Amino acid sequence: MLLNFLPPPPKKKKKKEMEELFLTSCFLQACAVMVLHSSANCLLLFGGWTHPSLYPLHQSWRLFNELHQYDLGSNRWTHVLPASSLKPPAMAGHSATVHFETNMVVFGGLQKQRSNIGQFSSSNDVWCFNLVSKFI
């Protein structure tokens, strides 16, 4: 008896189904940080890392500097874009908190070094994102 351990191939989804899937889910990211922004009734997810894919082997993992918001009332994810071009570097393993319901403060984490490809270092950086004006 042969057992098939592979999942069945995914069914083709219509464009509308794909849009709904994107709006209700967020991409899988490890070592990201999530905080509660209670006055906006939402969760905020920042940073993290993932492998691009399983193949080809020996790929470098990818760090993120994206901020996503999960609305607890509507059960939807949205990508939050800052009002300015200034953004923190991509990072993982950092910590964060919401301060006085107006600022998200992010500290530390693992960041990619600009000089060496594939090299990472720990950081003591502090970044503040104003949740009202969307400015860093």
Protein backbone atom coordinates (compact mmCIF):
# COMPACT_ATOMS: atom_id res chain seq x y z
CA MET A 1 0.00 0.00 0.00
CA LEU A 2 1.38 3.40 -0.99
CA LEU A 3 0.67 6.39 1.17
CA ASN A 4 0.69 9.83 -0.35
CA PHE A 5 2.15 12.35 2.10
CA LEU A 6 1.97 15.26 -0.30
CA PRO A 7 -1.03 17.57 -0.13
CA PRO A 8 -3.27 17.67 -3.17
CA PRO A 9 -2.38 20.34 -5.72
CA PRO A 10 -4.01 23.70 -4.97
CA LYS A 11 -7.11 24.54 -6.91
CA LYS A 12 -7.05 27.60 -9.14
CA LYS A 13 -8.62 30.51 -7.33
CA LYS A 14 -10.54 33.26 -8.95
CA LYS A 15 -9.21 36.81 -8.72
CA LYS A 16 -11.88 37.82 -6.21
CA GLU A 17 -11.05 34.83 -3.97
CA MET A 18 -7.36 35.75 -4.10
CA GLU A 19 -8.14 39.35 -3.13
CA GLU A 20 -10.25 38.14 -0.19
CA LEU A 21 -7.48 35.76 0.88
CA PHE A 22 -4.96 38.63 0.82
CA LEU A 23 -7.26 40.91 2.81
CA THR A 24 -7.94 38.34 5.53
CA SER A 25 -4.45 36.87 5.86
CA CYS A 26 -0.90 38.05 6.32
CA PHE A 27 2.29 36.51 5.03
CA LEU A 28 4.06 34.11 7.37
CA GLN A 29 6.97 35.80 9.13
CA ALA A 30 9.12 34.42 11.96
CA CYS A 31 10.59 36.56 14.77
CA ALA A 32 8.24 39.44 13.97
CA VAL A 33 6.69 41.50 16.74
CA MET A 34 2.97 42.06 17.33
CA VAL A 35 1.47 44.70 19.62
CA LEU A 36 -2.07 45.70 20.53
CA HIS A 37 -3.22 49.18 19.55
CA SER A 38 -6.33 49.12 21.71
CA SER A 39 -7.76 52.53 20.84
CA ALA A 40 -7.84 51.53 17.14
CA ASN A 41 -9.07 47.99 17.96
CA CYS A 42 -6.23 46.44 15.96
CA LEU A 43 -3.01 44.46 16.16
CA LEU A 44 0.20 45.73 14.56
CA LEU A 45 2.76 43.31 13.11
CA PHE A 46 6.24 44.57 12.22
CA GLY A 47 9.37 43.00 10.74
CA GLY A 48 10.38 39.37 10.85
CA TRP A 49 12.07 36.98 8.46
CA THR A 50 11.28 34.11 6.12
CA HIS A 51 12.99 31.86 3.60
CA PRO A 52 12.09 32.90 0.03
CA SER A 53 11.25 29.29 -0.91
CA LEU A 54 12.40 25.76 -0.28
CA TYR A 55 14.27 25.54 -3.57
CA PRO A 56 16.91 26.28 -4.70
CA LEU A 57 18.76 25.24 -1.58
CA HIS A 58 21.10 27.52 0.35
CA GLN A 59 19.11 30.70 -0.19
CA SER A 60 19.63 33.55 2.21
CA TRP A 61 16.65 34.29 4.41
CA ARG A 62 14.80 37.54 3.87
CA LEU A 63 14.21 40.21 6.51
CA PHE A 64 11.18 42.52 6.45
CA ASN A 65 10.58 46.13 7.48
CA GLU A 66 6.87 46.13 6.71
CA LEU A 67 4.10 47.15 9.09
CA HIS A 68 0.79 45.30 8.84
CA GLN A 69 -2.40 46.09 10.71
CA TYR A 70 -5.02 43.50 11.65
CA ASP A 71 -8.45 45.00 12.29
CA LEU A 72 -10.10 42.94 15.03
CA GLY A 73 -13.59 44.07 14.04
CA SER A 74 -13.47 43.34 10.32
CA ASN A 75 -10.99 40.40 10.47
CA ARG A 76 -8.79 42.00 7.77
CA TRP A 77 -5.09 42.69 7.26
CA THR A 78 -3.82 45.90 5.66
CA HIS A 79 -0.31 47.01 4.78
CA VAL A 80 0.44 50.31 6.55
CA LEU A 81 2.63 52.66 4.54
CA PRO A 82 4.50 55.48 6.29
CA ALA A 83 3.74 59.06 5.24
CA SER A 84 7.43 59.70 4.56
CA SER A 85 10.17 57.76 2.76
CA LEU A 86 12.07 57.27 6.03
CA LYS A 87 11.67 53.66 7.22
CA PRO A 88 13.52 51.47 9.71
CA PRO A 89 15.79 48.78 8.27
CA ALA A 90 14.51 45.25 7.80
CA MET A 91 14.82 43.37 11.09
CA ALA A 92 13.84 40.30 13.09
CA GLY A 93 13.99 39.36 16.76
CA HIS A 94 13.26 42.91 17.92
CA SER A 95 10.85 44.15 20.58
CA ALA A 96 8.07 46.73 20.43
CA THR A 97 5.39 48.45 22.44
CA VAL A 98 2.62 50.99 21.90
CA HIS A 99 3.32 54.11 23.96
CA PHE A 100 0.37 56.34 24.99
CA GLU A 101 -1.72 54.88 22.12
CA THR A 102 -0.01 57.24 19.65
CA ASN A 103 3.47 55.77 19.08
CA MET A 104 4.78 52.32 18.29
CA VAL A 105 8.33 52.04 19.62
CA VAL A 106 10.61 49.34 18.13
CA PHE A 107 13.95 48.40 19.72
CA GLY A 108 16.91 46.27 18.70
CA GLY A 109 16.74 43.20 16.55
CA LEU A 110 18.85 41.43 13.99
CA GLN A 111 19.70 43.46 10.88
CA LYS A 112 21.58 42.72 7.70
CA GLN A 113 24.95 44.42 7.42
CA ARG A 114 25.26 46.54 4.30
CA SER A 115 28.93 45.75 3.70
CA ASN A 116 28.78 41.94 3.75
CA ILE A 117 26.24 39.93 1.80
CA GLY A 118 24.55 37.39 4.03
CA GLN A 119 26.05 38.78 7.26
CA PHE A 120 23.76 39.87 10.10
CA SER A 121 24.36 41.80 13.28
CA SER A 122 22.40 42.77 16.37
CA SER A 123 21.24 46.34 16.77
CA ASN A 124 20.49 48.82 19.56
CA ASP A 125 18.44 51.12 17.32
CA VAL A 126 15.19 52.66 18.56
CA TRP A 127 12.49 53.59 16.01
CA CYS A 128 9.22 55.40 16.73
CA PHE A 129 6.23 55.32 14.40
CA ASN A 130 3.44 57.81 15.07
CA LEU A 131 0.22 55.82 14.66
CA VAL A 132 -1.85 58.96 14.11
CA SER A 133 0.22 60.91 11.57
CA LYS A 134 2.01 57.83 10.10
CA PHE A 135 5.40 59.58 10.42
CA ILE A 136 8.58 57.97 11.73
